[in-house]
Amino acid sequence: MGPFLDLMKNALFSPTSSSAVFPPKASPSPNSSGLVPFGSPKFYVFCGMGGSICCGFTHLIITPLDIVKCRMQVDPIKYTGVVQGFRVAVAEDGIRGLARAWAPTTIGYSAQGFGKFGYYEVFKNVYGSMLSEENAYTYRSWIYLAAASSAEFFADFFLAPFEAVKVRMQTSSTAPKTMRECMPMIYKKEGMYGFFKGLPPLWTRQIPYTTVKFVCFERIMELMYKHVVPKPRAECTKTEQLLVTFSAGYLAGILCAVASHPPDVLVSQLNQDPNATLTSAAKRLGWKGMWAGLGARIIMIGTITAMQWFIYDGWKVLMGIPRPPPAEMPESLRRKLEEEDRKRQQ
């Protein structure tokens, strides 16, 4: 643990620290005003703030669709589709009912977003610094995966209590309609366990979702600048860069929705039924039931993910936070590969 703690300390408190995935020469992005030193505590805090804004805002505006999605998961007979689900929800609760649980949604995902994006930058730096520059590039997808998994593991502790309240308010007809009433009710009936019993399935939903979200986004960005965008990133305007960010985010979001959907259904079932367990919920749903509401979730997660990356990248531009370009092959590794090719051809 000693070397790891030393690396963590250097990543958090050394303003000049940089991930081997992004060599120091690439850290001061040409689009950054240099107001926030890369790798400094201020850098990580500002990244966390950007994550808080993008996650809290996007989940807030998508609350109506989230309500229908959750109800399709816990009562697929009554809520058979997205459009039909909206009609039933409005008929029963009125238009205002589509905003139910907006408070725990906003607070929970804002807190989680701070941890998700802030910790991701920390762990990406820490894990990248454990490897040489060449190995960090070669195994960069594993670095992204490890950083995203670690970040989400801790971020979900912030989300779990509010997710429990949100789902209970959105799916239970007997639950109070406000967060300040619902939280005490859950605590009175189930204690702290009621807020965190959904944490394990939340991890099974969120960790795959976040790893796909970050790994796919990072690699899609590389591919887009290499094969789709007709000019180097440094020559693109900030607007053009943000459009690429949005496109890569949407593609990553579609993959996220598919990868994390069955656990999402289980989370809804557990938080809706106080007596449900992970095993009983899985047996009751069956394989087909695990995919209830996937269409709505693809639309929701694709849109959310694209908007989150767009807002997060825009926040970095606004605040002068370094925005390193996609990872590039180190010159030393390029020369080695060229030499190996020449030897094979001889």
Protein backbone atom coordinates (compact mmCIF):
# COMPACT_ATOMS: atom_id res chain seq x y z
CA MET A 1 0.00 0.00 0.00
CA GLY A 2 2.95 2.34 0.61
CA PRO A 3 3.86 2.99 -3.06
CA PHE A 4 0.19 3.41 -3.96
CA LEU A 5 -0.38 5.94 -1.18
CA ASP A 6 2.72 7.85 -2.29
CA LEU A 7 1.38 7.99 -5.84
CA MET A 8 -2.03 9.13 -4.60
CA LYS A 9 -0.39 11.85 -2.50
CA ASN A 10 1.67 13.04 -5.47
CA ALA A 11 -1.39 13.05 -7.73
CA LEU A 12 -3.42 15.12 -5.28
CA PHE A 13 -0.83 17.57 -4.02
CA SER A 14 1.70 18.00 -6.80
CA PRO A 15 0.62 20.74 -9.23
CA THR A 16 2.94 19.40 -11.90
CA SER A 17 1.85 15.77 -11.67
CA SER A 18 0.50 14.30 -14.86
CA SER A 19 -0.78 10.98 -16.02
CA ALA A 20 1.46 8.87 -18.17
CA VAL A 21 -1.56 8.55 -20.45
CA PHE A 22 -1.24 12.29 -21.02
CA PRO A 23 2.47 13.20 -20.96
CA PRO A 24 3.41 16.56 -19.41
CA LYS A 25 3.98 18.09 -22.81
CA ALA A 26 0.30 17.48 -23.67
CA SER A 27 -1.14 18.58 -20.34
CA PRO A 28 -1.33 22.33 -20.95
CA SER A 29 -3.94 22.07 -23.64
CA PRO A 30 -3.75 24.74 -26.33
CA ASN A 31 -7.36 25.53 -25.53
CA SER A 32 -6.68 26.12 -21.83
CA SER A 33 -6.03 29.56 -20.43
CA GLY A 34 -3.81 28.01 -17.75
CA LEU A 35 -5.93 29.33 -14.87
CA VAL A 36 -6.06 25.89 -13.23
CA PRO A 37 -2.76 23.94 -13.09
CA PHE A 38 -3.12 20.38 -14.34
CA GLY A 39 -3.00 17.82 -11.52
CA SER A 40 -3.39 20.38 -8.74
CA PRO A 41 -6.00 20.04 -5.95
CA LYS A 42 -7.85 22.93 -7.60
CA PHE A 43 -7.91 20.97 -10.86
CA TYR A 44 -9.57 17.95 -9.23
CA VAL A 45 -12.06 20.07 -7.28
CA PHE A 46 -13.06 21.99 -10.40
CA CYS A 47 -13.43 18.72 -12.33
CA GLY A 48 -15.68 17.44 -9.53
CA MET A 49 -17.74 20.62 -9.69
CA GLY A 50 -18.16 20.17 -13.43
CA GLY A 51 -19.30 16.60 -12.85
CA SER A 52 -21.76 17.75 -10.20
CA ILE A 53 -23.28 20.33 -12.55
CA CYS A 54 -23.54 18.06 -15.58
CA CYS A 55 -24.96 15.05 -13.69
CA GLY A 56 -27.38 16.97 -11.48
CA PHE A 57 -28.76 19.09 -14.33
CA THR A 58 -29.17 16.29 -16.87
CA HIS A 59 -30.92 13.94 -14.45
CA LEU A 60 -33.21 16.76 -13.32
CA ILE A 61 -34.47 17.57 -16.82
CA ILE A 62 -34.97 13.90 -17.65
CA THR A 63 -37.06 13.23 -14.50
CA PRO A 64 -40.38 12.67 -16.38
CA LEU A 65 -38.83 9.99 -18.59
CA ASP A 66 -37.13 8.43 -15.57
CA ILE A 67 -40.50 8.15 -13.79
CA VAL A 68 -42.05 6.30 -16.73
CA LYS A 69 -38.96 4.08 -17.10
CA CYS A 70 -39.03 3.08 -13.41
CA ARG A 71 -42.75 2.31 -13.53
CA MET A 72 -42.30 0.21 -16.67
CA GLN A 73 -39.72 -1.81 -14.74
CA VAL A 74 -41.82 -2.43 -11.61
CA ASP A 75 -45.23 -2.76 -13.35
CA PRO A 76 -44.73 -3.76 -17.02
CA ILE A 77 -48.36 -4.86 -17.35
CA LYS A 78 -49.74 -1.42 -16.52
CA TYR A 79 -46.96 0.55 -18.22
CA THR A 80 -46.45 -1.24 -21.54
CA GLY A 81 -44.53 1.44 -23.44
CA VAL A 82 -43.03 4.90 -23.21
CA VAL A 83 -45.88 6.84 -24.84
CA GLN A 84 -48.57 4.76 -23.14
CA GLY A 85 -46.67 5.10 -19.86
CA PHE A 86 -46.72 8.89 -20.10
CA ARG A 87 -50.47 8.83 -20.73
CA VAL A 88 -51.12 6.66 -17.68
CA ALA A 89 -48.82 8.73 -15.48
CA VAL A 90 -50.46 12.02 -16.51
CA ALA A 91 -53.96 10.55 -16.14
CA GLU A 92 -53.22 9.39 -12.58
CA ASP A 93 -50.98 12.16 -11.24
CA GLY A 94 -51.41 15.08 -13.63
CA ILE A 95 -48.59 16.99 -15.31
CA ARG A 96 -47.06 17.91 -11.95
CA GLY A 97 -46.72 14.21 -11.19
CA LEU A 98 -44.06 13.94 -13.90
CA ALA A 99 -41.75 16.02 -11.72
CA ARG A 100 -42.14 13.76 -8.68
CA ALA A 101 -38.86 13.08 -6.83
CA TRP A 102 -37.01 15.88 -8.61
CA ALA A 103 -35.29 16.85 -5.34
CA PRO A 104 -33.62 13.51 -4.47
CA THR A 105 -32.81 13.08 -8.15
CA THR A 106 -30.99 16.41 -8.37
CA ILE A 107 -29.21 16.19 -5.01
CA GLY A 108 -28.24 12.53 -5.38
CA TYR A 109 -26.84 12.76 -8.88
CA SER A 110 -25.10 16.07 -8.19
CA ALA A 111 -23.24 14.46 -5.29
CA GLN A 112 -22.52 11.37 -7.32
CA GLY A 113 -21.33 13.44 -10.28
CA PHE A 114 -18.79 15.23 -8.11
CA GLY A 115 -17.31 11.89 -7.10
CA LYS A 116 -17.62 10.26 -10.51
CA PHE A 117 -15.78 12.90 -12.53
CA GLY A 118 -13.50 14.21 -9.81
CA TYR A 119 -12.30 10.78 -8.68
CA TYR A 120 -11.96 9.64 -12.30
CA GLU A 121 -9.42 12.37 -12.97
CA VAL A 122 -7.57 11.47 -9.75
CA PHE A 123 -7.46 7.73 -10.40
CA LYS A 124 -6.59 8.12 -14.07
CA ASN A 125 -3.60 10.20 -13.02
CA VAL A 126 -2.61 7.80 -10.21
CA TYR A 127 -2.93 4.59 -12.25
CA GLY A 128 -1.25 6.14 -15.29
CA SER A 129 1.68 7.25 -13.15
CA MET A 130 2.27 3.64 -12.09
CA LEU A 131 3.33 2.73 -15.64
CA SER A 132 5.95 3.91 -18.08
CA GLU A 133 4.86 6.28 -20.82
CA GLU A 134 4.85 3.49 -23.40
CA ASN A 135 2.91 1.03 -21.24
CA ALA A 136 0.45 3.71 -20.18
CA TYR A 137 -0.39 4.29 -23.85
CA THR A 138 -0.50 0.58 -24.73
CA TYR A 139 -2.78 -0.27 -21.81
CA ARG A 140 -4.69 3.03 -21.70
CA SER A 141 -8.10 1.34 -21.99
CA TRP A 142 -7.33 -0.64 -18.82
CA ILE A 143 -6.28 2.58 -17.09
CA TYR A 144 -9.58 4.22 -18.09
CA LEU A 145 -11.50 1.14 -16.92
CA ALA A 146 -9.73 0.94 -13.56
CA ALA A 147 -10.08 4.68 -12.95
CA ALA A 148 -13.78 4.71 -13.85
CA SER A 149 -14.54 1.63 -11.71
CA SER A 150 -12.73 3.06 -8.69
CA ALA A 151 -14.41 6.44 -9.05
CA GLU A 152 -17.90 4.97 -9.35
CA PHE A 153 -17.40 2.64 -6.39
CA PHE A 154 -16.95 5.62 -4.07
CA ALA A 155 -19.40 7.94 -5.84
CA ASP A 156 -22.28 5.50 -5.33
CA PHE A 157 -22.08 5.91 -1.56
CA PHE A 158 -23.31 9.47 -2.17
CA LEU A 159 -26.05 8.36 -4.55
CA ALA A 160 -27.55 5.30 -2.81
CA PRO A 161 -29.68 7.05 -0.12
CA PHE A 162 -31.20 9.49 -2.60
CA GLU A 163 -31.78 6.77 -5.20
CA ALA A 164 -33.74 4.79 -2.60
CA VAL A 165 -35.92 7.82 -1.86
CA LYS A 166 -36.35 8.67 -5.55
CA VAL A 167 -37.50 5.22 -6.62
CA ARG A 168 -39.84 4.85 -3.63
CA MET A 169 -41.48 8.21 -4.41
CA GLN A 170 -41.79 7.47 -8.12
CA THR A 171 -43.13 3.91 -7.97
CA SER A 172 -45.03 3.48 -4.69
CA SER A 173 -48.55 4.87 -4.47
CA THR A 174 -48.34 4.89 -0.66
CA ALA A 175 -45.02 6.75 -0.42
CA PRO A 176 -44.98 10.44 0.59
CA LYS A 177 -44.72 12.85 -2.30
CA THR A 178 -41.86 14.95 -0.90
CA MET A 179 -38.28 14.02 0.00
CA ARG A 180 -38.47 15.58 3.47
CA GLU A 181 -41.37 13.23 4.30
CA CYS A 182 -40.14 10.14 2.46
CA MET A 183 -36.65 9.99 3.99
CA PRO A 184 -37.92 9.85 7.60
CA MET A 185 -40.50 7.24 6.59
CA ILE A 186 -37.84 4.94 5.12
CA TYR A 187 -35.59 5.43 8.15
CA LYS A 188 -38.45 4.70 10.56
CA LYS A 189 -39.44 1.48 8.79
CA GLU A 190 -36.05 0.10 7.70
CA GLY A 191 -33.34 2.14 9.42
CA MET A 192 -30.12 3.00 7.57
CA TYR A 193 -30.40 -0.35 5.79
CA GLY A 194 -33.31 1.04 3.80
CA PHE A 195 -31.07 3.68 2.26
CA PHE A 196 -28.18 1.38 1.41
CA LYS A 197 -29.77 -2.01 0.68
CA GLY A 198 -29.80 -1.04 -2.98
CA LEU A 199 -26.05 -0.27 -2.97
CA PRO A 200 -24.80 -3.69 -4.24
CA PRO A 201 -27.19 -3.76 -7.22
CA LEU A 202 -26.47 -0.05 -7.68
CA TRP A 203 -22.79 -0.96 -8.05
CA THR A 204 -23.69 -3.68 -10.56
CA ARG A 205 -25.60 -1.06 -12.55
CA GLN A 206 -23.40 1.98 -12.16
CA ILE A 207 -19.90 0.47 -12.37
CA PRO A 208 -20.51 -1.20 -15.78
CA TYR A 209 -22.33 1.95 -16.89
CA THR A 210 -19.50 4.25 -15.85
CA THR A 211 -16.70 2.05 -17.19
CA VAL A 212 -18.42 1.85 -20.58
CA LYS A 213 -19.19 5.57 -20.39
CA PHE A 214 -15.59 6.63 -19.83
CA VAL A 215 -13.68 3.94 -21.75
CA CYS A 216 -15.90 4.16 -24.84
CA PHE A 217 -15.94 7.95 -24.74
CA GLU A 218 -12.15 8.17 -24.53
CA ARG A 219 -11.62 5.68 -27.37
CA ILE A 220 -14.42 7.06 -29.56
CA MET A 221 -12.88 10.52 -29.20
CA GLU A 222 -9.56 9.11 -30.40
CA LEU A 223 -11.20 7.44 -33.40
CA MET A 224 -13.25 10.49 -34.34
CA TYR A 225 -10.26 12.82 -34.38
CA LYS A 226 -8.25 10.21 -36.27
CA HIS A 227 -10.78 9.08 -38.89
CA VAL A 228 -13.82 11.42 -38.90
CA VAL A 229 -12.78 14.99 -38.09
CA PRO A 230 -10.95 16.34 -41.18
CA LYS A 231 -8.35 18.33 -39.22
CA PRO A 232 -6.27 17.96 -36.05
CA ARG A 233 -7.92 18.78 -32.74
CA ALA A 234 -5.56 21.70 -32.16
CA GLU A 235 -6.90 23.34 -35.34
CA CYS A 236 -10.57 22.88 -34.38
CA THR A 237 -12.47 25.73 -32.78
CA LYS A 238 -13.88 25.23 -29.28
CA THR A 239 -17.37 24.90 -30.81
CA GLU A 240 -16.19 22.16 -33.17
CA GLN A 241 -14.47 20.35 -30.31
CA LEU A 242 -17.64 20.48 -28.21
CA LEU A 243 -19.67 19.04 -31.10
CA VAL A 244 -17.24 16.13 -31.34
CA THR A 245 -17.57 15.69 -27.58
CA PHE A 246 -21.38 15.56 -27.84
CA SER A 247 -21.30 13.01 -30.67
CA ALA A 248 -18.83 10.74 -28.89
CA GLY A 249 -20.86 11.07 -25.70
CA TYR A 250 -24.09 9.96 -27.39
CA LEU A 251 -22.50 6.89 -28.95
CA ALA A 252 -20.97 5.96 -25.59
CA GLY A 253 -24.34 6.53 -23.91
CA ILE A 254 -26.12 3.99 -26.11
CA LEU A 255 -23.57 1.34 -25.14
CA CYS A 256 -23.92 2.38 -21.48
CA ALA A 257 -27.66 1.83 -21.50
CA VAL A 258 -27.41 -1.72 -22.83
CA ALA A 259 -24.51 -2.71 -20.54
CA SER A 260 -26.18 -1.56 -17.33
CA HIS A 261 -29.88 -2.15 -17.94
CA PRO A 262 -30.59 -5.45 -16.07
CA PRO A 263 -29.06 -4.13 -12.81
CA ASP A 264 -31.08 -0.93 -13.25
CA VAL A 265 -34.28 -2.99 -13.32
CA LEU A 266 -33.19 -4.83 -10.15
CA VAL A 267 -32.49 -1.52 -8.36
CA SER A 268 -36.01 -0.33 -9.19
CA GLN A 269 -37.53 -3.58 -7.91
CA LEU A 270 -35.54 -3.54 -4.64
CA ASN A 271 -36.29 0.08 -3.83
CA GLN A 272 -39.98 -0.27 -4.74
CA ASP A 273 -40.59 -3.36 -2.56
CA PRO A 274 -39.27 -3.14 1.05
CA ASN A 275 -39.38 -6.96 1.39
CA ALA A 276 -37.59 -7.79 -1.86
CA THR A 277 -34.10 -9.28 -1.98
CA LEU A 278 -31.70 -9.39 -4.90
CA THR A 279 -32.37 -13.10 -5.45
CA SER A 280 -36.16 -12.88 -5.16
CA ALA A 281 -36.32 -9.87 -7.49
CA ALA A 282 -34.19 -11.62 -10.12
CA LYS A 283 -36.34 -14.78 -9.97
CA ARG A 284 -39.58 -12.82 -10.22
CA LEU A 285 -38.38 -10.81 -13.21
CA GLY A 286 -36.81 -13.57 -15.28
CA TRP A 287 -34.52 -12.90 -18.25
CA LYS A 288 -37.17 -11.09 -20.31
CA GLY A 289 -38.22 -8.91 -17.40
CA MET A 290 -34.62 -7.78 -16.93
CA TRP A 291 -34.89 -5.86 -20.21
CA ALA A 292 -38.18 -4.07 -19.51
CA GLY A 293 -37.97 -0.38 -20.38
CA LEU A 294 -34.75 -0.68 -22.42
CA GLY A 295 -36.03 1.54 -25.24
CA ALA A 296 -36.84 4.37 -22.86
CA ARG A 297 -33.50 3.95 -21.13
CA ILE A 298 -31.52 4.06 -24.40
CA ILE A 299 -33.15 7.40 -25.22
CA MET A 300 -32.66 8.65 -21.68
CA ILE A 301 -29.07 7.48 -21.14
CA GLY A 302 -27.91 8.38 -24.64
CA THR A 303 -29.21 11.91 -24.21
CA ILE A 304 -27.94 12.22 -20.64
CA THR A 305 -24.45 10.96 -21.47
CA ALA A 306 -24.06 13.21 -24.49
CA MET A 307 -25.25 16.26 -22.55
CA GLN A 308 -23.04 15.40 -19.58
CA TRP A 309 -19.87 15.25 -21.66
CA PHE A 310 -20.88 18.42 -23.52
CA ILE A 311 -21.52 20.33 -20.26
CA TYR A 312 -18.41 18.90 -18.59
CA ASP A 313 -16.18 19.86 -21.50
CA GLY A 314 -17.87 23.27 -21.75
CA TRP A 315 -17.28 23.82 -18.02
CA LYS A 316 -13.58 23.12 -18.56
CA VAL A 317 -13.46 25.68 -21.37
CA LEU A 318 -15.31 28.26 -19.26
CA MET A 319 -13.14 27.81 -16.17
CA GLY A 320 -9.81 27.48 -17.93
CA ILE A 321 -9.33 23.86 -16.87
CA PRO A 322 -6.69 21.93 -18.88
CA ARG A 323 -8.23 19.72 -21.58
CA PRO A 324 -5.52 17.32 -22.78
CA PRO A 325 -6.06 15.98 -26.30
CA PRO A 326 -6.81 12.28 -26.91
CA ALA A 327 -3.88 10.02 -26.08
CA GLU A 328 -1.19 9.84 -28.75
CA MET A 329 1.43 7.16 -29.28
CA PRO A 330 4.78 8.13 -27.71
CA GLU A 331 7.52 8.71 -30.25
CA SER A 332 9.73 6.07 -28.60
CA LEU A 333 7.02 3.43 -29.03
CA ARG A 334 6.40 4.50 -32.60
CA ARG A 335 10.09 4.02 -33.43
CA LYS A 336 10.10 0.57 -31.79
CA LEU A 337 7.09 -0.55 -33.82
CA GLU A 338 8.60 0.77 -37.04
CA GLU A 339 11.83 -1.09 -36.29
CA GLU A 340 9.90 -4.32 -35.65
CA ASP A 341 8.05 -3.90 -38.95
CA ARG A 342 11.33 -3.47 -40.82
CA LYS A 343 12.76 -6.61 -39.22
CA ARG A 344 9.69 -8.65 -40.17
CA GLN A 345 9.88 -7.47 -43.76
CA GLN A 346 13.53 -8.46 -44.13
